[in-house]
């Protein structure tokens, strides 16, 4: 939860989820299931 604290994005709802499975499959399933408009992903370069 600390990763979302202090982030001010106006009226945008932020949701943090942890799911298991193949990343591409799980991302697409969640986008469809939750009617998500935007997915933002990042990496630490590992």
PDB file of N, CA and C in Angstrom:
ATOM      1  N   UNK A   1       0.811  -1.201   0.000  1.00  0.00           N
ATOM      2  CA  UNK A   1       0.000   0.000   0.000  1.00  0.00           C
ATOM      3  C   UNK A   1       0.852   1.261   0.000  1.00  0.00           C
ATOM      4  N   UNK A   2       2.041   1.197   0.523  1.00  0.00           N
ATOM      5  CA  UNK A   2       2.902   2.374   0.577  1.00  0.00           C
ATOM      6  C   UNK A   2       3.232   2.904  -0.814  1.00  0.00           C
ATOM      7  N   UNK A   3       3.203   2.053  -1.823  1.00  0.00           N
ATOM      8  CA  UNK A   3       3.556   2.500  -3.174  1.00  0.00           C
ATOM      9  C   UNK A   3       2.529   3.462  -3.754  1.00  0.00           C
ATOM     10  N   UNK A   4       1.308   3.452  -3.246  1.00  0.00           N
ATOM     11  CA  UNK A   4       0.272   4.349  -3.761  1.00  0.00           C
ATOM     12  C   UNK A   4       0.058   5.568  -2.877  1.00  0.00           C
ATOM     13  N   UNK A   5       0.692   5.610  -1.703  1.00  0.00           N
ATOM     14  CA  UNK A   5       0.512   6.730  -0.787  1.00  0.00           C
ATOM     15  C   UNK A   5       1.168   7.983  -1.342  1.00  0.00           C
ATOM     16  N   UNK A   6       0.522   9.103  -1.162  1.00  0.00           N
ATOM     17  CA  UNK A   6       1.085  10.378  -1.566  1.00  0.00           C
ATOM     18  C   UNK A   6       0.980  10.684  -3.048  1.00  0.00           C
ATOM     19  N   UNK A   7       0.323   9.843  -3.810  1.00  0.00           N
ATOM     20  CA  UNK A   7       0.164  10.085  -5.239  1.00  0.00           C
ATOM     21  C   UNK A   7      -1.143  10.840  -5.458  1.00  0.00           C
ATOM     22  N   UNK A   8      -1.042  12.040  -6.024  1.00  0.00           N
ATOM     23  CA  UNK A   8      -2.229  12.850  -6.294  1.00  0.00           C
ATOM     24  C   UNK A   8      -2.461  12.884  -7.800  1.00  0.00           C
ATOM     25  N   UNK A   9      -3.477  12.183  -8.244  1.00  0.00           N
ATOM     26  CA  UNK A   9      -3.790  12.133  -9.673  1.00  0.00           C
ATOM     27  C   UNK A   9      -5.209  12.634  -9.946  1.00  0.00           C
ATOM     28  N   UNK A  10      -5.685  13.510  -9.093  1.00  0.00           N
ATOM     29  CA  UNK A  10      -7.016  14.080  -9.296  1.00  0.00           C
ATOM     30  C   UNK A  10      -8.106  13.054  -9.080  1.00  0.00           C
ATOM     31  N   UNK A  11      -8.987  12.904 -10.062  1.00  0.00           N
ATOM     32  CA  UNK A  11     -10.131  12.007  -9.919  1.00  0.00           C
ATOM     33  C   UNK A  11      -9.892  10.631 -10.531  1.00  0.00           C
ATOM     34  N   UNK A  12      -8.625  10.278 -10.771  1.00  0.00           N
ATOM     35  CA  UNK A  12      -8.289   8.965 -11.324  1.00  0.00           C
ATOM     36  C   UNK A  12      -8.240   7.948 -10.191  1.00  0.00           C
ATOM     37  N   UNK A  13      -8.875   6.810 -10.383  1.00  0.00           N
ATOM     38  CA  UNK A  13      -8.863   5.744  -9.393  1.00  0.00           C
ATOM     39  C   UNK A  13      -7.653   4.848  -9.619  1.00  0.00           C
ATOM     40  N   UNK A  14      -6.845   4.668  -8.577  1.00  0.00           N
ATOM     41  CA  UNK A  14      -5.683   3.787  -8.653  1.00  0.00           C
ATOM     42  C   UNK A  14      -6.009   2.461  -7.993  1.00  0.00           C
ATOM     43  N   UNK A  15      -5.687   1.367  -8.659  1.00  0.00           N
ATOM     44  CA  UNK A  15      -5.936   0.029  -8.128  1.00  0.00           C
ATOM     45  C   UNK A  15      -4.646  -0.764  -8.211  1.00  0.00           C
ATOM     46  N   UNK A  16      -4.279  -1.388  -7.111  1.00  0.00           N
ATOM     47  CA  UNK A  16      -3.096  -2.244  -7.079  1.00  0.00           C
ATOM     48  C   UNK A  16      -3.573  -3.679  -6.911  1.00  0.00           C
ATOM     49  N   UNK A  17      -3.139  -4.572  -7.816  1.00  0.00           N
ATOM     50  CA  UNK A  17      -3.551  -5.975  -7.767  1.00  0.00           C
ATOM     51  C   UNK A  17      -2.345  -6.873  -7.909  1.00  0.00           C
ATOM     52  N   UNK A  18      -2.431  -8.038  -7.291  1.00  0.00           N
ATOM     53  CA  UNK A  18      -1.428  -9.083  -7.479  1.00  0.00           C
ATOM     54  C   UNK A  18      -2.173 -10.329  -7.938  1.00  0.00           C
ATOM     55  N   UNK A  19      -1.813 -10.839  -9.106  1.00  0.00           N
ATOM     56  CA  UNK A  19      -2.434 -12.043  -9.645  1.00  0.00           C
ATOM     57  C   UNK A  19      -1.337 -12.993 -10.099  1.00  0.00           C
ATOM     58  N   UNK A  20      -1.683 -14.260 -10.233  1.00  0.00           N
ATOM     59  CA  UNK A  20      -0.717 -15.255 -10.687  1.00  0.00           C
ATOM     60  C   UNK A  20      -1.123 -15.781 -12.049  1.00  0.00           C
ATOM     61  N   UNK A  21      -0.139 -16.041 -12.887  1.00  0.00           N
ATOM     62  CA  UNK A  21      -0.374 -16.587 -14.211  1.00  0.00           C
ATOM     63  C   UNK A  21       0.614 -16.007 -15.200  1.00  0.00           C
ATOM     64  N   UNK A  22       0.379 -16.282 -16.466  1.00  0.00           N
ATOM     65  CA  UNK A  22       1.221 -15.718 -17.510  1.00  0.00           C
ATOM     66  C   UNK A  22       0.921 -14.226 -17.609  1.00  0.00           C
ATOM     67  N   UNK A  23       1.932 -13.360 -17.536  1.00  0.00           N
ATOM     68  CA  UNK A  23       1.683 -11.916 -17.491  1.00  0.00           C
ATOM     69  C   UNK A  23       0.775 -11.386 -18.602  1.00  0.00           C
ATOM     70  N   UNK A  24       1.046 -11.731 -19.845  1.00  0.00           N
ATOM     71  CA  UNK A  24       0.233 -11.185 -20.939  1.00  0.00           C
ATOM     72  C   UNK A  24      -1.224 -11.615 -20.822  1.00  0.00           C
ATOM     73  N   UNK A  25      -1.443 -12.865 -20.474  1.00  0.00           N
ATOM     74  CA  UNK A  25      -2.804 -13.385 -20.325  1.00  0.00           C
ATOM     75  C   UNK A  25      -3.523 -12.707 -19.171  1.00  0.00           C
ATOM     76  N   UNK A  26      -2.857 -12.593 -18.030  1.00  0.00           N
ATOM     77  CA  UNK A  26      -3.490 -12.018 -16.849  1.00  0.00           C
ATOM     78  C   UNK A  26      -3.790 -10.533 -17.039  1.00  0.00           C
ATOM     79  N   UNK A  27      -2.878  -9.809 -17.673  1.00  0.00           N
ATOM     80  CA  UNK A  27      -3.118  -8.385 -17.920  1.00  0.00           C
ATOM     81  C   UNK A  27      -4.338  -8.203 -18.808  1.00  0.00           C
ATOM     82  N   UNK A  28      -4.406  -8.952 -19.904  1.00  0.00           N
ATOM     83  CA  UNK A  28      -5.545  -8.828 -20.818  1.00  0.00           C
ATOM     84  C   UNK A  28      -6.854  -9.245 -20.157  1.00  0.00           C
ATOM     85  N   UNK A  29      -6.836 -10.285 -19.329  1.00  0.00           N
ATOM     86  CA  UNK A  29      -8.051 -10.711 -18.621  1.00  0.00           C
ATOM     87  C   UNK A  29      -8.536  -9.628 -17.669  1.00  0.00           C
ATOM     88  N   UNK A  30      -7.625  -9.020 -16.915  1.00  0.00           N
ATOM     89  CA  UNK A  30      -8.011  -7.975 -15.966  1.00  0.00           C
ATOM     90  C   UNK A  30      -8.531  -6.737 -16.690  1.00  0.00           C
ATOM     91  N   UNK A  31      -7.904  -6.360 -17.798  1.00  0.00           N
ATOM     92  CA  UNK A  31      -8.356  -5.209 -18.583  1.00  0.00           C
ATOM     93  C   UNK A  31      -9.786  -5.424 -19.054  1.00  0.00           C
ATOM     94  N   UNK A  32     -10.074  -6.615 -19.558  1.00  0.00           N
ATOM     95  CA  UNK A  32     -11.430  -6.908 -20.038  1.00  0.00           C
ATOM     96  C   UNK A  32     -12.425  -6.995 -18.885  1.00  0.00           C
ATOM     97  N   UNK A  33     -12.062  -7.713 -17.832  1.00  0.00           N
ATOM     98  CA  UNK A  33     -12.968  -7.933 -16.704  1.00  0.00           C
ATOM     99  C   UNK A  33     -13.326  -6.626 -15.995  1.00  0.00           C
ATOM    100  N   UNK A  34     -12.354  -5.744 -15.815  1.00  0.00           N
ATOM    101  CA  UNK A  34     -12.567  -4.510 -15.058  1.00  0.00           C
ATOM    102  C   UNK A  34     -12.865  -3.299 -15.945  1.00  0.00           C
ATOM    103  N   UNK A  35     -12.951  -3.497 -17.270  1.00  0.00           N
ATOM    104  CA  UNK A  35     -13.187  -2.405 -18.228  1.00  0.00           C
ATOM    105  C   UNK A  35     -12.178  -1.272 -18.015  1.00  0.00           C
ATOM    106  N   UNK A  36     -10.916  -1.634 -17.970  1.00  0.00           N
ATOM    107  CA  UNK A  36      -9.825  -0.694 -17.711  1.00  0.00           C
ATOM    108  C   UNK A  36      -9.507   0.090 -18.983  1.00  0.00           C
ATOM    109  N   UNK A  37      -9.324   1.407 -18.823  1.00  0.00           N
ATOM    110  CA  UNK A  37      -9.013   2.288 -19.948  1.00  0.00           C
ATOM    111  C   UNK A  37      -7.513   2.467 -20.170  1.00  0.00           C
ATOM    112  N   UNK A  38      -6.720   2.353 -19.109  1.00  0.00           N
ATOM    113  CA  UNK A  38      -5.293   2.632 -19.209  1.00  0.00           C
ATOM    114  C   UNK A  38      -4.519   1.711 -18.283  1.00  0.00           C
ATOM    115  N   UNK A  39      -3.467   1.111 -18.802  1.00  0.00           N
ATOM    116  CA  UNK A  39      -2.572   0.276 -18.001  1.00  0.00           C
ATOM    117  C   UNK A  39      -1.197   0.929 -18.047  1.00  0.00           C
ATOM    118  N   UNK A  40      -0.627   1.179 -16.870  1.00  0.00           N
ATOM    119  CA  UNK A  40       0.710   1.755 -16.775  1.00  0.00           C
ATOM    120  C   UNK A  40       1.606   0.728 -16.110  1.00  0.00           C
ATOM    121  N   UNK A  41       2.711   0.395 -16.772  1.00  0.00           N
ATOM    122  CA  UNK A  41       3.655  -0.574 -16.213  1.00  0.00           C
ATOM    123  C   UNK A  41       5.037   0.037 -16.203  1.00  0.00           C
ATOM    124  N   UNK A  42       5.816  -0.371 -15.243  1.00  0.00           N
ATOM    125  CA  UNK A  42       7.189   0.110 -15.153  1.00  0.00           C
ATOM    126  C   UNK A  42       8.114  -1.026 -14.772  1.00  0.00           C
ATOM    127  N   UNK A  43       9.391  -0.714 -14.790  1.00  0.00           N
ATOM    128  CA  UNK A  43      10.393  -1.711 -14.439  1.00  0.00           C
ATOM    129  C   UNK A  43      11.556  -1.011 -13.757  1.00  0.00           C
ATOM    130  N   UNK A  44      12.176  -1.741 -12.863  1.00  0.00           N
ATOM    131  CA  UNK A  44      13.384  -1.236 -12.217  1.00  0.00           C
ATOM    132  C   UNK A  44      14.609  -1.630 -13.027  1.00  0.00           C
ATOM    133  N   UNK A  45      14.409  -2.305 -14.132  1.00  0.00           N
ATOM    134  CA  UNK A  45      15.517  -2.705 -14.980  1.00  0.00           C
ATOM    135  C   UNK A  45      16.165  -4.017 -14.597  1.00  0.00           C
ATOM    136  N   UNK A  46      15.476  -4.812 -13.788  1.00  0.00           N
ATOM    137  CA  UNK A  46      16.056  -6.093 -13.365  1.00  0.00           C
ATOM    138  C   UNK A  46      15.978  -7.098 -14.476  1.00  0.00           C
TER     139      UNK A  46
END
